Structures are given as structure tokens and as C-alpha cells.
C-alpha atoms as a PDB file:
ATOM      1  CA  MET A   1    -170.398  48.681  38.858  1.00  0.00           C
ATOM      2  CA  THR A   2    -169.432  45.073  38.665  1.00  0.00           C
ATOM      3  CA  ASN A   3    -169.754  42.712  41.606  1.00  0.00           C
ATOM      4  CA  MET A   4    -169.239  45.256  44.377  1.00  0.00           C
ATOM      5  CA  PHE A   5    -168.939  43.648  47.797  1.00  0.00           C
ATOM      6  CA  ALA A   6    -167.601  44.401  51.249  1.00  0.00           C
ATOM      7  CA  VAL A   7    -166.462  42.469  54.295  1.00  0.00           C
ATOM      8  CA  VAL A   8    -168.018  43.882  57.465  1.00  0.00           C
ATOM      9  CA  ARG A   9    -167.572  43.016  61.125  1.00  0.00           C
ATOM     10  CA  THR A  10    -170.507  43.002  63.525  1.00  0.00           C
ATOM     11  CA  GLY A  11    -171.163  40.983  66.643  1.00  0.00           C
ATOM     12  CA  GLY A  12    -167.608  39.633  66.619  1.00  0.00           C
ATOM     13  CA  LYS A  13    -168.098  37.937  63.246  1.00  0.00           C
ATOM     14  CA  GLN A  14    -167.203  38.876  59.673  1.00  0.00           C
ATOM     15  CA  TYR A  15    -169.662  38.791  56.773  1.00  0.00           C
ATOM     16  CA  LYS A  16    -169.112  39.173  53.027  1.00  0.00           C
ATOM     17  CA  VAL A  17    -172.016  41.276  51.771  1.00  0.00           C
ATOM     18  CA  ALA A  18    -173.165  42.724  48.469  1.00  0.00           C
ATOM     19  CA  SER A  19    -176.012  45.078  47.716  1.00  0.00           C
ATOM     20  CA  GLY A  20    -179.354  43.295  48.143  1.00  0.00           C
ATOM     21  CA  ASP A  21    -178.026  40.447  50.335  1.00  0.00           C
ATOM     22  CA  VAL A  22    -180.025  39.225  53.346  1.00  0.00           C
ATOM     23  CA  ILE A  23    -177.845  38.259  56.313  1.00  0.00           C
ATOM     24  CA  HIS A  24    -178.415  37.008  59.871  1.00  0.00           C
ATOM     25  CA  VAL A  25    -176.259  38.872  62.418  1.00  0.00           C
ATOM     26  CA  GLU A  26    -176.045  38.833  66.194  1.00  0.00           C
ATOM     27  CA  ARG A  27    -178.973  40.678  67.757  1.00  0.00           C
ATOM     28  CA  LEU A  28    -178.951  44.454  67.264  1.00  0.00           C
ATOM     29  CA  THR A  29    -181.070  46.949  69.170  1.00  0.00           C
ATOM     30  CA  ALA A  30    -182.993  48.263  66.172  1.00  0.00           C
ATOM     31  CA  GLU A  31    -186.671  48.275  65.238  1.00  0.00           C
ATOM     32  CA  THR A  32    -188.005  46.268  62.298  1.00  0.00           C
ATOM     33  CA  GLY A  33    -188.078  48.491  59.206  1.00  0.00           C
ATOM     34  CA  SER A  34    -185.407  50.881  60.464  1.00  0.00           C
ATOM     35  CA  THR A  35    -182.048  51.481  58.821  1.00  0.00           C
ATOM     36  CA  VAL A  36    -178.708  50.616  60.416  1.00  0.00           C
ATOM     37  CA  GLN A  37    -175.179  51.542  59.391  1.00  0.00           C
ATOM     38  CA  LEU A  38    -172.376  49.025  59.752  1.00  0.00           C
ATOM     39  CA  ASP A  39    -169.196  51.060  60.239  1.00  0.00           C
ATOM     40  CA  ASP A  40    -166.598  48.293  60.603  1.00  0.00           C
ATOM     41  CA  VAL A  41    -165.875  47.736  56.892  1.00  0.00           C
ATOM     42  CA  LEU A  42    -162.704  45.643  56.666  1.00  0.00           C
ATOM     43  CA  LEU A  43    -162.529  45.337  52.867  1.00  0.00           C
ATOM     44  CA  LEU A  44    -164.273  46.979  49.929  1.00  0.00           C
ATOM     45  CA  SER A  45    -164.110  45.587  46.415  1.00  0.00           C
ATOM     46  CA  GLY A  46    -165.621  47.325  43.443  1.00  0.00           C
ATOM     47  CA  GLY A  47    -165.073  48.559  39.918  1.00  0.00           C
ATOM     48  CA  ASP A  48    -162.044  50.651  40.920  1.00  0.00           C
ATOM     49  CA  GLY A  49    -160.140  47.878  42.717  1.00  0.00           C
ATOM     50  CA  ILE A  50    -159.868  46.543  46.230  1.00  0.00           C
ATOM     51  CA  GLU A  51    -159.477  48.657  49.362  1.00  0.00           C
ATOM     52  CA  VAL A  52    -158.174  46.834  52.422  1.00  0.00           C
ATOM     53  CA  GLY A  53    -158.557  48.604  55.752  1.00  0.00           C
ATOM     54  CA  THR A  54    -155.954  48.914  58.470  1.00  0.00           C
ATOM     55  CA  PRO A  55    -158.027  47.695  60.332  1.00  0.00           C
ATOM     56  CA  VAL A  56    -161.089  49.387  58.748  1.00  0.00           C
ATOM     57  CA  VAL A  57    -161.601  51.294  55.507  1.00  0.00           C
ATOM     58  CA  ALA A  58    -161.882  54.950  56.518  1.00  0.00           C
ATOM     59  CA  GLY A  59    -165.200  56.674  55.888  1.00  0.00           C
ATOM     60  CA  VAL A  60    -166.997  53.698  54.310  1.00  0.00           C
ATOM     61  CA  THR A  61    -170.237  52.344  55.781  1.00  0.00           C
ATOM     62  CA  VAL A  62    -172.645  49.616  54.748  1.00  0.00           C
ATOM     63  CA  ASN A  63    -176.298  50.619  54.953  1.00  0.00           C
ATOM     64  CA  ALA A  64    -178.843  47.918  55.785  1.00  0.00           C
ATOM     65  CA  GLU A  65    -182.546  47.691  56.538  1.00  0.00           C
ATOM     66  CA  VAL A  66    -183.775  45.594  59.476  1.00  0.00           C
ATOM     67  CA  VAL A  67    -186.080  42.922  58.026  1.00  0.00           C
ATOM     68  CA  GLY A  68    -186.925  41.244  61.327  1.00  0.00           C
ATOM     69  CA  GLU A  69    -185.676  39.152  64.194  1.00  0.00           C
ATOM     70  CA  ALA A  70    -185.173  35.399  64.345  1.00  0.00           C
ATOM     71  CA  ARG A  71    -183.883  32.733  66.698  1.00  0.00           C
ATOM     72  CA  GLY A  72    -181.361  30.044  65.969  1.00  0.00           C
ATOM     73  CA  PRO A  73    -181.706  26.326  66.667  1.00  0.00           C
ATOM     74  CA  LYS A  74    -181.905  25.077  70.225  1.00  0.00           C
ATOM     75  CA  LEU A  75    -178.591  23.855  71.617  1.00  0.00           C
ATOM     76  CA  ILE A  76    -178.482  21.387  74.500  1.00  0.00           C
ATOM     77  CA  ILE A  77    -175.745  21.806  77.124  1.00  0.00           C
ATOM     78  CA  PHE A  78    -175.354  18.648  79.194  1.00  0.00           C
ATOM     79  CA  LYS A  79    -172.784  18.345  81.993  1.00  0.00           C
ATOM     80  CA  LYS A  80    -172.059  15.104  83.803  1.00  0.00           C
ATOM     81  CA  LYS A  81    -169.518  13.850  86.293  1.00  0.00           C
ATOM     82  CA  ARG A  82    -169.393  10.099  86.438  1.00  0.00           C
ATOM     83  CA  ARG A  83    -170.085   8.280  89.686  1.00  0.00           C
ATOM     84  CA  GLN A  84    -171.014  11.564  91.404  1.00  0.00           C
ATOM     85  CA  ASN A  85    -174.744  11.691  90.548  1.00  0.00           C
ATOM     86  CA  TYR A  86    -174.055  15.107  88.955  1.00  0.00           C
ATOM     87  CA  ARG A  87    -176.100  15.944  85.846  1.00  0.00           C
ATOM     88  CA  ARG A  88    -177.097  19.380  84.539  1.00  0.00           C
ATOM     89  CA  LYS A  89    -179.109  20.004  81.390  1.00  0.00           C
ATOM     90  CA  ARG A  90    -179.569  23.469  79.903  1.00  0.00           C
ATOM     91  CA  GLY A  91    -180.787  24.795  76.586  1.00  0.00           C
ATOM     92  CA  HIS A  92    -179.866  27.877  74.591  1.00  0.00           C
ATOM     93  CA  ARG A  93    -181.273  29.653  71.518  1.00  0.00           C
ATOM     94  CA  GLN A  94    -179.355  32.538  69.982  1.00  0.00           C
ATOM     95  CA  ASP A  95    -181.239  35.684  68.946  1.00  0.00           C
ATOM     96  CA  TYR A  96    -180.488  37.061  65.479  1.00  0.00           C
ATOM     97  CA  THR A  97    -181.379  40.197  63.551  1.00  0.00           C
ATOM     98  CA  VAL A  98    -182.140  39.742  59.851  1.00  0.00           C
ATOM     99  CA  LEU A  99    -180.681  42.545  57.698  1.00  0.00           C
ATOM    100  CA  ARG A 100    -181.054  43.397  53.996  1.00  0.00           C
ATOM    101  CA  VAL A 101    -178.055  45.311  52.662  1.00  0.00           C
ATOM    102  CA  THR A 102    -179.286  48.380  50.795  1.00  0.00           C
ATOM    103  CA  GLY A 103    -175.982  49.864  49.690  1.00  0.00           C
ATOM    104  CA  PHE A 104    -172.616  51.360  50.508  1.00  0.00           C
ATOM    105  CA  ALA A 105    -171.699  54.930  51.430  1.00  0.00           C
ATOM    106  CA  ARG A 106    -168.493  56.922  51.709  1.00  0.00           C
ATOM    107  CA  GLY A 107    -168.653  60.001  53.902  1.00  0.00           C
ATOM    108  CA  GLY A 108    -172.459  59.841  53.987  1.00  0.00           C
ATOM    109  CA  ILE A 109    -172.783  59.810  50.177  1.00  0.00           C
ATOM    110  CA  ALA A 110    -174.240  56.579  48.769  1.00  0.00           C
ATOM    111  CA  PHE A 111    -172.285  55.161  45.833  1.00  0.00           C
ATOM    112  CA  ALA A 112    -173.827  51.713  45.373  1.00  0.00           C
ATOM    113  CA  SER A 113    -177.344  50.726  46.230  1.00  0.00           C
ATOM    114  CA  ALA A 114    -179.638  47.754  45.779  1.00  0.00           C
ATOM    115  CA  PRO A 115    -182.354  47.913  43.140  1.00  0.00           C
ATOM    116  CA  ALA A 116    -185.778  48.985  44.413  1.00  0.00           C
ATOM    117  CA  ILE A 117    -187.929  46.123  45.693  1.00  0.00           C
ATOM    118  CA  SER A 118    -191.709  46.174  45.621  1.00  0.00           C
ATOM    119  CA  ALA A 119    -193.572  46.026  48.925  1.00  0.00           C
ATOM    120  CA  GLN A 120    -195.007  42.599  48.067  1.00  0.00           C
ATOM    121  CA  ALA A 121    -191.576  41.122  47.314  1.00  0.00           C
ATOM    122  CA  GLN A 122    -190.175  42.806  50.423  1.00  0.00           C
ATOM    123  CA  SER A 123    -192.720  41.167  52.727  1.00  0.00           C
ATOM    124  CA  ALA A 124    -192.223  37.799  51.014  1.00  0.00           C
ATOM    125  CA  THR A 125    -188.445  38.032  51.518  1.00  0.00           C
ATOM    126  CA  ALA A 126    -188.923  38.968  55.166  1.00  0.00           C
ATOM    127  CA  SER A 127    -191.207  36.028  55.865  1.00  0.00           C
ATOM    128  CA  VAL A 128    -188.881  33.598  54.060  1.00  0.00           C
ATOM    129  CA  ALA A 129    -185.829  34.907  55.939  1.00  0.00           C
ATOM    130  CA  VAL A 130    -187.506  34.644  59.335  1.00  0.00           C
ATOM    131  CA  ALA A 131    -189.031  31.241  58.494  1.00  0.00           C
ATOM    132  CA  SER A 132    -185.668  29.868  57.364  1.00  0.00           C
ATOM    133  CA  ALA A 133    -184.103  30.912  60.666  1.00  0.00           C
ATOM    134  CA  GLU A 134    -186.924  29.261  62.593  1.00  0.00           C
ATOM    135  CA  GLY A 135    -186.703  26.144  60.405  1.00  0.00           C
ATOM    136  CA  GLU A 136    -183.104  25.517  61.518  1.00  0.00           C
ATOM    137  CA  GLU A 137    -184.373  24.234  64.868  1.00  0.00           C
END
């Protein structure tokens, strides 16, 4: 299979993913180490052509493993009205879930999966992914 990828929608955003990719998505209610299925597959490209959904490709899911959770950079919200002595300062940090795409499935049957990763490489990838999200502060 050559360069198989999909476009998935989660958290109101679209992501182009391939097997083995690590992505940061809006926070999901899943435990670290568990597996999640992303059902909103908008496009699937593989060895047998491109499938475009209307709006989603029927029966196709993207399987991913939860690597961890991270937080985005701090954003400052400052409101001011001139000559009114009105000033408000607030901060915000977005919560993210870090996912590693493990493969694609059609009707529950996996047809493309990521190569096996050793436990040592897996923990190193997790720490790098979480550290990179924290480093964006």
C-alpha cells in the first residue's frame, strides 16, 4: 500500500493523517493508552484510488491510540474601553489529546496499520509529543 492517508474531522477541525502519525486534537474523554475510533472520515486515499465521502466515507474508521494529554500556549485576552477606566485581563490554555494513528478499518476489519513500535520508542515518542506541546507556551 502506497502512501495511504485519510482526512478526518474531530473537535470541529480536519486533520490529514497517515498510519503512524502523531496528532494533537481537541480534548477527548479517553484514558492514556486506550484506543479511540475516529468515525468522521471525509476522504480516504490509498492504493485503489481516492474515496470522497458525502459527507463521510461509509463504514471507514481511523483507529488511534491515546498517547497522552497536553496543553497549548497561554493566550492573553485583554479588553479595554478608553476613558472609562475599564480593563479586563484573562488567560486561556487549550487542552489537547495526543493521538498516534494505528491504522484504518472498514466495517471493523483493519486494512492498513502502522508498523509495530517497541515499548522504549513508544515512551520516547509520548514524552517528545507532550513536551513539544508544553514547549509552545
